[in-house]
Amino acid sequence: MAFYNNKTIWVTGASSGIGKALAVFLSRYDCKLILSARREEVLNEVRLECNNPERVAVLAFDLKDYNLFPGLVKQATDMFGSVDIMILNGGISQRSALIDTDIEVDKQLMEIDYLSNVALSKALLPHFIQNKYGHFVVVTSLMGKFSSPFRSSYCGAKHALHGFFNALRLEHYRDNVKVTLVGPGFVNTNIARNALTEDGSLQGHQDKKTEQGMSPELFAKKMARAIRKGKFEVYIGGFEKIGVLVSRLSPKLIHTMVKNMQVR
C-alpha cells in the first residue's frame, strides 16, 4: 500500500489488541509510527515486534491527562517532523446494569472513550490545518450505531464520537482534514476482561462472543484498507454488522434482535 509510504502515523491504545496489531501490520510499509498507551515498557515490547523498529517511536501517557495534550502533540510532531494520520484507538468498555452503575463509572467512560479523543484531536488539529492535510481515524464500535444492554455509558460515549467527528469533518473539509470512523464488531481482544463493572472494578473474564470474534490481525488488515480508501465509516466484524443496517431501517426491529440475543 503505497498510500502509507512516507507518512507518520500516531496510534493510541497501541500496547495490545487492535492498536498493537495495527502497529505491527503498518510497520511493514515505508512509514513511521508513534505508539502511545500508559505503559512505556509494554509499548517498547510492541516496538520491537514491528518491522524496522528504528522508525517506531514510543510516547507513553494516560488518556485522562488532558492538560498534557498540547505538549504531547509537540513531542509527537517533533519526533519525525509531522503527524499525518492520528489513529484514536485507546479506550475502555463496560459490563454493568445501568441502574447499578455508579455515576463515577459513567464519568470515567465518557472521559476516556469520548472526551480524551476530543481533547487530543483539538490539540492536533492546528497541526493538520497548518500542513493542509491530516486524517483522524476513530475506533468507535457497532455500539456507536445501536445499543446493547449492560453497556449504557460505553454506548453513549461511542455514539458521541460519531456526532463530534462528523461535525469536525464538516467544519474542516476545506483544510483537507479527513475523518474515518471504524466500528468493530466482536474482536478477540482483552476489551471484555478490562471492562468496568458497576463499582469501577474490572470484569476480569472474557465474553464468549468476544472470544469467538475476529482476530486482531485480520481486523488490522481490513482497517488499514479502509483508511487507505478514505472511508467515512466502516464496520468490521462478522454477522453482527447487519445490526447497523437494521438499525437504520427499523429501530424497533434492532431492539427486538438485540433483546433476544440476551447478551451480557
C-alpha atoms as a PDB file:
ATOM      1  CA  MET A   1       0.000   0.000   0.000  1.00  0.00           C
ATOM      2  CA  ALA A   2       1.979   2.962  -1.314  1.00  0.00           C
ATOM      3  CA  PHE A   3      -0.555   5.208   0.437  1.00  0.00           C
ATOM      4  CA  TYR A   4       1.309   4.720   3.725  1.00  0.00           C
ATOM      5  CA  ASN A   5       4.784   5.420   2.378  1.00  0.00           C
ATOM      6  CA  ASN A   6       6.482   8.458   3.955  1.00  0.00           C
ATOM      7  CA  LYS A   7       3.580   9.071   6.324  1.00  0.00           C
ATOM      8  CA  THR A   8       3.821   9.398  10.099  1.00  0.00           C
ATOM      9  CA  ILE A   9       1.061   7.553  11.928  1.00  0.00           C
ATOM     10  CA  TRP A  10       0.268   8.039  15.615  1.00  0.00           C
ATOM     11  CA  VAL A  11      -1.630   5.187  17.294  1.00  0.00           C
ATOM     12  CA  THR A  12      -3.161   5.349  20.767  1.00  0.00           C
ATOM     13  CA  GLY A  13      -4.070   2.191  22.636  1.00  0.00           C
ATOM     14  CA  ALA A  14      -1.084   0.592  20.916  1.00  0.00           C
ATOM     15  CA  SER A  15       0.011  -1.723  23.738  1.00  0.00           C
ATOM     16  CA  SER A  16      -2.423  -4.536  22.943  1.00  0.00           C
ATOM     17  CA  GLY A  17      -5.387  -5.692  20.872  1.00  0.00           C
ATOM     18  CA  ILE A  18      -6.356  -3.740  17.776  1.00  0.00           C
ATOM     19  CA  GLY A  19      -3.776  -0.993  18.349  1.00  0.00           C
ATOM     20  CA  LYS A  20      -0.873  -3.418  18.646  1.00  0.00           C
ATOM     21  CA  ALA A  21      -1.993  -5.488  15.647  1.00  0.00           C
ATOM     22  CA  LEU A  22      -2.386  -2.342  13.551  1.00  0.00           C
ATOM     23  CA  ALA A  23       1.070  -1.064  14.518  1.00  0.00           C
ATOM     24  CA  VAL A  24       2.720  -4.366  13.588  1.00  0.00           C
ATOM     25  CA  PHE A  25       0.767  -4.518  10.323  1.00  0.00           C
ATOM     26  CA  LEU A  26       1.587  -0.947   9.288  1.00  0.00           C
ATOM     27  CA  SER A  27       5.262  -1.340  10.168  1.00  0.00           C
ATOM     28  CA  ARG A  28       5.766  -3.428   7.019  1.00  0.00           C
ATOM     29  CA  TYR A  29       5.291  -0.261   4.958  1.00  0.00           C
ATOM     30  CA  ASP A  30       7.667   2.652   4.466  1.00  0.00           C
ATOM     31  CA  CYS A  31       6.050   4.747   7.172  1.00  0.00           C
ATOM     32  CA  LYS A  32       6.946   5.997  10.642  1.00  0.00           C
ATOM     33  CA  LEU A  33       4.941   5.099  13.723  1.00  0.00           C
ATOM     34  CA  ILE A  34       4.341   6.712  17.109  1.00  0.00           C
ATOM     35  CA  LEU A  35       2.914   4.291  19.653  1.00  0.00           C
ATOM     36  CA  SER A  36       1.018   5.512  22.715  1.00  0.00           C
ATOM     37  CA  ALA A  37      -0.584   3.920  25.756  1.00  0.00           C
ATOM     38  CA  ARG A  38       0.006   4.159  29.507  1.00  0.00           C
ATOM     39  CA  ARG A  39       2.728   1.503  29.895  1.00  0.00           C
ATOM     40  CA  GLU A  40       6.009   2.525  28.289  1.00  0.00           C
ATOM     41  CA  GLU A  41       7.672  -0.855  28.855  1.00  0.00           C
ATOM     42  CA  VAL A  42       4.876  -2.686  27.009  1.00  0.00           C
ATOM     43  CA  LEU A  43       4.997  -0.172  24.158  1.00  0.00           C
ATOM     44  CA  ASN A  44       8.718  -0.840  23.803  1.00  0.00           C
ATOM     45  CA  GLU A  45       7.949  -4.551  23.511  1.00  0.00           C
ATOM     46  CA  VAL A  46       5.464  -3.798  20.727  1.00  0.00           C
ATOM     47  CA  ARG A  47       8.049  -1.571  19.069  1.00  0.00           C
ATOM     48  CA  LEU A  48      10.496  -4.482  18.916  1.00  0.00           C
ATOM     49  CA  GLU A  49       7.834  -6.666  17.285  1.00  0.00           C
ATOM     50  CA  CYS A  50       7.492  -4.138  14.470  1.00  0.00           C
ATOM     51  CA  ASN A  51       9.493  -4.203  11.268  1.00  0.00           C
ATOM     52  CA  ASN A  52      12.177  -1.503  11.220  1.00  0.00           C
ATOM     53  CA  PRO A  53      11.864  -0.545  14.917  1.00  0.00           C
ATOM     54  CA  GLU A  54      14.185   2.399  14.300  1.00  0.00           C
ATOM     55  CA  ARG A  55      11.207   4.025  12.547  1.00  0.00           C
ATOM     56  CA  VAL A  56       8.932   3.424  15.536  1.00  0.00           C
ATOM     57  CA  ALA A  57       8.800   5.845  18.478  1.00  0.00           C
ATOM     58  CA  VAL A  58       7.126   5.442  21.862  1.00  0.00           C
ATOM     59  CA  LEU A  59       5.172   8.187  23.626  1.00  0.00           C
ATOM     60  CA  ALA A  60       3.513   6.952  26.814  1.00  0.00           C
ATOM     61  CA  PHE A  61       0.710   8.899  28.513  1.00  0.00           C
ATOM     62  CA  ASP A  62      -2.646   8.498  30.236  1.00  0.00           C
ATOM     63  CA  LEU A  63      -5.725   9.468  28.218  1.00  0.00           C
ATOM     64  CA  LYS A  64      -7.177  11.217  31.281  1.00  0.00           C
ATOM     65  CA  ASP A  65      -4.341  13.792  31.373  1.00  0.00           C
ATOM     66  CA  TYR A  66      -5.981  16.297  29.024  1.00  0.00           C
ATOM     67  CA  ASN A  67      -3.857  19.207  30.225  1.00  0.00           C
ATOM     68  CA  LEU A  68      -0.750  17.446  28.883  1.00  0.00           C
ATOM     69  CA  PHE A  69      -2.071  17.006  25.344  1.00  0.00           C
ATOM     70  CA  PRO A  70      -0.718  20.224  23.757  1.00  0.00           C
ATOM     71  CA  GLY A  71       2.762  19.341  24.976  1.00  0.00           C
ATOM     72  CA  LEU A  72       2.373  15.733  23.880  1.00  0.00           C
ATOM     73  CA  VAL A  73       1.367  16.874  20.394  1.00  0.00           C
ATOM     74  CA  LYS A  74       4.536  18.983  20.260  1.00  0.00           C
ATOM     75  CA  GLN A  75       6.606  15.949  21.282  1.00  0.00           C
ATOM     76  CA  ALA A  76       4.893  13.756  18.720  1.00  0.00           C
ATOM     77  CA  THR A  77       5.304  16.175  15.819  1.00  0.00           C
ATOM     78  CA  ASP A  78       8.963  16.747  16.739  1.00  0.00           C
ATOM     79  CA  MET A  79       9.729  13.000  16.658  1.00  0.00           C
ATOM     80  CA  PHE A  80       9.527  12.678  12.870  1.00  0.00           C
ATOM     81  CA  GLY A  81       8.735  16.238  11.787  1.00  0.00           C
ATOM     82  CA  SER A  82       4.961  15.855  11.469  1.00  0.00           C
ATOM     83  CA  VAL A  83       1.949  13.635  12.072  1.00  0.00           C
ATOM     84  CA  ASP A  84      -0.176  12.690   9.065  1.00  0.00           C
ATOM     85  CA  ILE A  85      -2.618  10.127  10.477  1.00  0.00           C
ATOM     86  CA  MET A  86      -3.970  10.064  14.039  1.00  0.00           C
ATOM     87  CA  ILE A  87      -5.490   6.719  14.992  1.00  0.00           C
ATOM     88  CA  LEU A  88      -7.622   7.206  18.110  1.00  0.00           C
ATOM     89  CA  ASN A  89      -7.919   3.679  19.404  1.00  0.00           C
ATOM     90  CA  GLY A  90      -7.422   3.902  23.168  1.00  0.00           C
ATOM     91  CA  GLY A  91     -10.410   3.278  25.413  1.00  0.00           C
ATOM     92  CA  ILE A  92     -12.256   1.007  27.831  1.00  0.00           C
ATOM     93  CA  SER A  93     -15.524  -0.902  27.823  1.00  0.00           C
ATOM     94  CA  GLN A  94     -18.257  -1.621  30.370  1.00  0.00           C
ATOM     95  CA  ARG A  95     -20.295  -4.586  31.602  1.00  0.00           C
ATOM     96  CA  SER A  96     -22.865  -3.488  34.187  1.00  0.00           C
ATOM     97  CA  ALA A  97     -26.577  -2.786  34.537  1.00  0.00           C
ATOM     98  CA  LEU A  98     -27.155   0.943  34.289  1.00  0.00           C
ATOM     99  CA  ILE A  99     -29.349   1.059  37.402  1.00  0.00           C
ATOM    100  CA  ASP A 100     -26.480  -0.359  39.474  1.00  0.00           C
ATOM    101  CA  THR A 101     -23.645   1.623  37.876  1.00  0.00           C
ATOM    102  CA  ASP A 102     -22.040   4.333  39.990  1.00  0.00           C
ATOM    103  CA  ILE A 103     -22.058   7.731  38.274  1.00  0.00           C
ATOM    104  CA  GLU A 104     -18.268   7.867  38.669  1.00  0.00           C
ATOM    105  CA  VAL A 105     -18.051   4.882  36.338  1.00  0.00           C
ATOM    106  CA  ASP A 106     -20.243   6.674  33.805  1.00  0.00           C
ATOM    107  CA  LYS A 107     -17.965   9.700  34.053  1.00  0.00           C
ATOM    108  CA  GLN A 108     -14.875   7.573  33.551  1.00  0.00           C
ATOM    109  CA  LEU A 109     -16.300   6.003  30.394  1.00  0.00           C
ATOM    110  CA  MET A 110     -17.111   9.420  28.950  1.00  0.00           C
ATOM    111  CA  GLU A 111     -13.744  10.882  29.949  1.00  0.00           C
ATOM    112  CA  ILE A 112     -11.676   8.109  28.397  1.00  0.00           C
ATOM    113  CA  ASP A 113     -13.764   6.974  25.434  1.00  0.00           C
ATOM    114  CA  TYR A 114     -15.104  10.376  24.369  1.00  0.00           C
ATOM    115  CA  LEU A 115     -13.524  13.452  25.938  1.00  0.00           C
ATOM    116  CA  SER A 116      -9.923  12.233  25.683  1.00  0.00           C
ATOM    117  CA  ASN A 117     -10.366  11.743  21.931  1.00  0.00           C
ATOM    118  CA  VAL A 118     -11.966  15.164  21.609  1.00  0.00           C
ATOM    119  CA  ALA A 119      -9.166  16.826  23.574  1.00  0.00           C
ATOM    120  CA  LEU A 120      -6.356  15.087  21.705  1.00  0.00           C
ATOM    121  CA  SER A 121      -7.960  15.876  18.351  1.00  0.00           C
ATOM    122  CA  LYS A 122      -8.341  19.545  19.257  1.00  0.00           C
ATOM    123  CA  ALA A 123      -4.691  19.667  20.288  1.00  0.00           C
ATOM    124  CA  LEU A 124      -3.546  18.109  16.988  1.00  0.00           C
ATOM    125  CA  LEU A 125      -5.994  19.861  14.652  1.00  0.00           C
ATOM    126  CA  PRO A 126      -3.946  23.097  14.219  1.00  0.00           C
ATOM    127  CA  HIS A 127      -1.007  20.958  13.033  1.00  0.00           C
ATOM    128  CA  PHE A 128      -3.221  19.312  10.418  1.00  0.00           C
ATOM    129  CA  ILE A 129      -4.562  22.683   9.286  1.00  0.00           C
ATOM    130  CA  GLN A 130      -1.059  24.132   9.009  1.00  0.00           C
ATOM    131  CA  ASN A 131       0.074  21.153   6.911  1.00  0.00           C
ATOM    132  CA  LYS A 132      -3.108  21.284   4.805  1.00  0.00           C
ATOM    133  CA  TYR A 133      -3.516  17.564   5.387  1.00  0.00           C
ATOM    134  CA  GLY A 134      -4.479  15.274   8.229  1.00  0.00           C
ATOM    135  CA  HIS A 135      -6.522  12.164   8.818  1.00  0.00           C
ATOM    136  CA  PHE A 136      -8.314  11.291  12.052  1.00  0.00           C
ATOM    137  CA  VAL A 137      -9.144   7.585  12.307  1.00  0.00           C
ATOM    138  CA  VAL A 138     -11.502   6.965  15.213  1.00  0.00           C
ATOM    139  CA  VAL A 139     -12.134   3.482  16.558  1.00  0.00           C
ATOM    140  CA  THR A 140     -15.729   3.532  17.760  1.00  0.00           C
ATOM    141  CA  SER A 141     -17.899   0.399  17.838  1.00  0.00           C
ATOM    142  CA  LEU A 142     -21.061  -1.069  16.401  1.00  0.00           C
ATOM    143  CA  MET A 143     -22.372   0.281  19.721  1.00  0.00           C
ATOM    144  CA  GLY A 144     -21.887   3.737  18.215  1.00  0.00           C
ATOM    145  CA  LYS A 145     -24.799   2.983  15.875  1.00  0.00           C
ATOM    146  CA  PHE A 146     -27.093   0.842  18.017  1.00  0.00           C
ATOM    147  CA  SER A 147     -27.082  -0.058  21.697  1.00  0.00           C
ATOM    148  CA  SER A 148     -26.780  -3.201  23.762  1.00  0.00           C
ATOM    149  CA  PRO A 149     -27.694  -3.921  27.389  1.00  0.00           C
ATOM    150  CA  PHE A 150     -25.062  -3.650  30.120  1.00  0.00           C
ATOM    151  CA  ARG A 151     -23.024  -1.180  28.067  1.00  0.00           C
ATOM    152  CA  SER A 152     -25.037   2.005  28.602  1.00  0.00           C
ATOM    153  CA  SER A 153     -22.230   4.535  29.072  1.00  0.00           C
ATOM    154  CA  TYR A 154     -19.974   2.763  26.592  1.00  0.00           C
ATOM    155  CA  CYS A 155     -22.762   3.085  24.002  1.00  0.00           C
ATOM    156  CA  GLY A 156     -23.275   6.721  24.957  1.00  0.00           C
ATOM    157  CA  ALA A 157     -19.594   7.544  24.523  1.00  0.00           C
ATOM    158  CA  LYS A 158     -19.359   5.763  21.181  1.00  0.00           C
ATOM    159  CA  HIS A 159     -22.500   7.486  19.868  1.00  0.00           C
ATOM    160  CA  ALA A 160     -20.981  10.805  20.948  1.00  0.00           C
ATOM    161  CA  LEU A 161     -17.815  10.150  18.944  1.00  0.00           C
ATOM    162  CA  HIS A 162     -19.882   9.905  15.766  1.00  0.00           C
ATOM    163  CA  GLY A 163     -21.574  13.218  16.470  1.00  0.00           C
ATOM    164  CA  PHE A 164     -18.341  15.063  17.219  1.00  0.00           C
ATOM    165  CA  PHE A 165     -16.196  13.710  14.402  1.00  0.00           C
ATOM    166  CA  ASN A 166     -18.896  14.076  11.761  1.00  0.00           C
ATOM    167  CA  ALA A 167     -19.049  17.755  12.763  1.00  0.00           C
ATOM    168  CA  LEU A 168     -15.256  18.040  12.639  1.00  0.00           C
ATOM    169  CA  ARG A 169     -15.237  16.597   9.129  1.00  0.00           C
ATOM    170  CA  LEU A 170     -17.850  19.133   8.002  1.00  0.00           C
ATOM    171  CA  GLU A 171     -16.054  22.108   9.551  1.00  0.00           C
ATOM    172  CA  HIS A 172     -12.587  21.277   8.220  1.00  0.00           C
ATOM    173  CA  TYR A 173     -13.042  19.620   4.827  1.00  0.00           C
ATOM    174  CA  ARG A 174     -11.623  22.781   3.202  1.00  0.00           C
ATOM    175  CA  ASP A 175      -8.453  22.239   5.265  1.00  0.00           C
ATOM    176  CA  ASN A 176      -8.135  18.739   3.760  1.00  0.00           C
ATOM    177  CA  VAL A 177      -8.746  17.147   7.162  1.00  0.00           C
ATOM    178  CA  LYS A 178     -10.284  13.709   6.762  1.00  0.00           C
ATOM    179  CA  VAL A 179     -12.168  11.505   9.231  1.00  0.00           C
ATOM    180  CA  THR A 180     -12.680   7.748   9.151  1.00  0.00           C
ATOM    181  CA  LEU A 181     -14.936   6.184  11.788  1.00  0.00           C
ATOM    182  CA  VAL A 182     -14.148   2.500  12.325  1.00  0.00           C
ATOM    183  CA  GLY A 183     -16.750   0.374  14.099  1.00  0.00           C
ATOM    184  CA  PRO A 184     -15.511  -3.016  15.310  1.00  0.00           C
ATOM    185  CA  GLY A 185     -17.880  -5.857  15.939  1.00  0.00           C
ATOM    186  CA  PHE A 186     -16.618  -8.733  18.045  1.00  0.00           C
ATOM    187  CA  VAL A 187     -12.804  -8.810  18.030  1.00  0.00           C
ATOM    188  CA  ASN A 188     -10.829 -11.251  20.155  1.00  0.00           C
ATOM    189  CA  THR A 189      -9.008  -8.785  22.416  1.00  0.00           C
ATOM    190  CA  ASN A 190      -8.902  -8.173  26.157  1.00  0.00           C
ATOM    191  CA  ILE A 191     -11.614  -5.498  25.967  1.00  0.00           C
ATOM    192  CA  ALA A 192     -14.120  -7.626  27.900  1.00  0.00           C
ATOM    193  CA  ARG A 193     -11.602  -8.655  30.575  1.00  0.00           C
ATOM    194  CA  ASN A 194     -10.723  -4.991  31.140  1.00  0.00           C
ATOM    195  CA  ALA A 195     -14.328  -3.740  31.036  1.00  0.00           C
ATOM    196  CA  LEU A 196     -15.522  -1.740  34.045  1.00  0.00           C
ATOM    197  CA  THR A 197     -18.287  -3.116  36.233  1.00  0.00           C
ATOM    198  CA  GLU A 198     -20.784  -1.140  38.331  1.00  0.00           C
ATOM    199  CA  ASP A 199     -18.266  -0.161  41.022  1.00  0.00           C
ATOM    200  CA  GLY A 200     -15.378   0.573  38.660  1.00  0.00           C
ATOM    201  CA  SER A 201     -13.603  -2.767  39.133  1.00  0.00           C
ATOM    202  CA  LEU A 202     -12.572  -4.841  36.128  1.00  0.00           C
ATOM    203  CA  GLN A 203     -14.775  -7.662  34.890  1.00  0.00           C
ATOM    204  CA  GLY A 204     -11.701  -9.883  34.736  1.00  0.00           C
ATOM    205  CA  HIS A 205     -13.005 -12.541  32.361  1.00  0.00           C
ATOM    206  CA  GLN A 206     -13.694 -12.930  28.672  1.00  0.00           C
ATOM    207  CA  ASP A 207     -17.095 -12.808  26.982  1.00  0.00           C
ATOM    208  CA  LYS A 208     -17.916 -15.802  24.791  1.00  0.00           C
ATOM    209  CA  LYS A 209     -18.859 -13.618  21.822  1.00  0.00           C
ATOM    210  CA  THR A 210     -15.638 -11.616  22.155  1.00  0.00           C
ATOM    211  CA  GLU A 211     -13.549 -14.773  22.371  1.00  0.00           C
ATOM    212  CA  GLN A 212     -15.180 -16.050  19.179  1.00  0.00           C
ATOM    213  CA  GLY A 213     -14.615 -12.738  17.400  1.00  0.00           C
ATOM    214  CA  MET A 214     -12.308 -11.774  14.565  1.00  0.00           C
ATOM    215  CA  SER A 215      -8.576 -11.911  15.206  1.00  0.00           C
ATOM    216  CA  PRO A 216      -6.914  -8.504  15.784  1.00  0.00           C
ATOM    217  CA  GLU A 217      -4.510  -9.274  12.920  1.00  0.00           C
ATOM    218  CA  LEU A 218      -7.305  -9.733  10.373  1.00  0.00           C
ATOM    219  CA  PHE A 219      -9.109  -6.706  11.752  1.00  0.00           C
ATOM    220  CA  ALA A 220      -5.954  -4.588  11.354  1.00  0.00           C
ATOM    221  CA  LYS A 221      -5.619  -5.626   7.717  1.00  0.00           C
ATOM    222  CA  LYS A 222      -9.228  -4.666   6.960  1.00  0.00           C
ATOM    223  CA  MET A 223      -8.919  -1.422   8.905  1.00  0.00           C
ATOM    224  CA  ALA A 224      -5.740  -0.411   7.060  1.00  0.00           C
ATOM    225  CA  ARG A 225      -7.553  -0.921   3.766  1.00  0.00           C
ATOM    226  CA  ALA A 226     -10.459   1.277   4.884  1.00  0.00           C
ATOM    227  CA  ILE A 227      -8.069   4.053   5.937  1.00  0.00           C
ATOM    228  CA  ARG A 228      -6.296   3.902   2.582  1.00  0.00           C
ATOM    229  CA  LYS A 229      -9.621   4.174   0.759  1.00  0.00           C
ATOM    230  CA  GLY A 230     -10.613   7.210   2.836  1.00  0.00           C
ATOM    231  CA  LYS A 231     -13.869   5.654   4.018  1.00  0.00           C
ATOM    232  CA  PHE A 232     -16.171   7.929   6.031  1.00  0.00           C
ATOM    233  CA  GLU A 233     -17.415   4.977   8.082  1.00  0.00           C
ATOM    234  CA  VAL A 234     -16.600   1.293   8.037  1.00  0.00           C
ATOM    235  CA  TYR A 235     -17.882  -1.588  10.159  1.00  0.00           C
ATOM    236  CA  ILE A 236     -15.655  -4.626  10.566  1.00  0.00           C
ATOM    237  CA  GLY A 237     -16.770  -7.896  12.105  1.00  0.00           C
ATOM    238  CA  GLY A 238     -18.945 -10.917  11.449  1.00  0.00           C
ATOM    239  CA  PHE A 239     -22.690 -11.260  11.065  1.00  0.00           C
ATOM    240  CA  GLU A 240     -23.214  -8.721  13.863  1.00  0.00           C
ATOM    241  CA  LYS A 241     -22.522  -5.972  11.297  1.00  0.00           C
ATOM    242  CA  ILE A 242     -26.068  -6.480   9.981  1.00  0.00           C
ATOM    243  CA  GLY A 243     -27.216  -4.600  13.085  1.00  0.00           C
ATOM    244  CA  VAL A 244     -26.060  -1.294  11.571  1.00  0.00           C
ATOM    245  CA  LEU A 245     -28.322  -1.737   8.549  1.00  0.00           C
ATOM    246  CA  VAL A 246     -31.228  -3.000  10.631  1.00  0.00           C
ATOM    247  CA  SER A 247     -30.939  -0.036  12.999  1.00  0.00           C
ATOM    248  CA  ARG A 248     -31.285   2.344  10.048  1.00  0.00           C
ATOM    249  CA  LEU A 249     -34.341   0.555   8.692  1.00  0.00           C
ATOM    250  CA  SER A 250     -36.185  -0.171  11.936  1.00  0.00           C
ATOM    251  CA  PRO A 251     -35.204   0.923  15.465  1.00  0.00           C
ATOM    252  CA  LYS A 252     -37.904  -1.408  16.820  1.00  0.00           C
ATOM    253  CA  LEU A 253     -36.531  -4.424  14.957  1.00  0.00           C
ATOM    254  CA  ILE A 254     -32.944  -3.892  16.154  1.00  0.00           C
ATOM    255  CA  HIS A 255     -34.306  -3.550  19.686  1.00  0.00           C
ATOM    256  CA  THR A 256     -36.013  -6.929  19.344  1.00  0.00           C
ATOM    257  CA  MET A 257     -32.961  -8.580  17.792  1.00  0.00           C
ATOM    258  CA  VAL A 258     -30.534  -7.393  20.470  1.00  0.00           C
ATOM    259  CA  LYS A 259     -33.001  -8.174  23.275  1.00  0.00           C
ATOM    260  CA  ASN A 260     -33.408 -11.746  22.033  1.00  0.00           C
ATOM    261  CA  MET A 261     -29.640 -12.259  21.916  1.00  0.00           C
ATOM    262  CA  GLN A 262     -29.564 -11.880  25.714  1.00  0.00           C
ATOM    263  CA  VAL A 263     -26.019 -10.521  25.635  1.00  0.00           C
ATOM    264  CA  ARG A 264     -24.160  -9.729  28.821  1.00  0.00           C
END
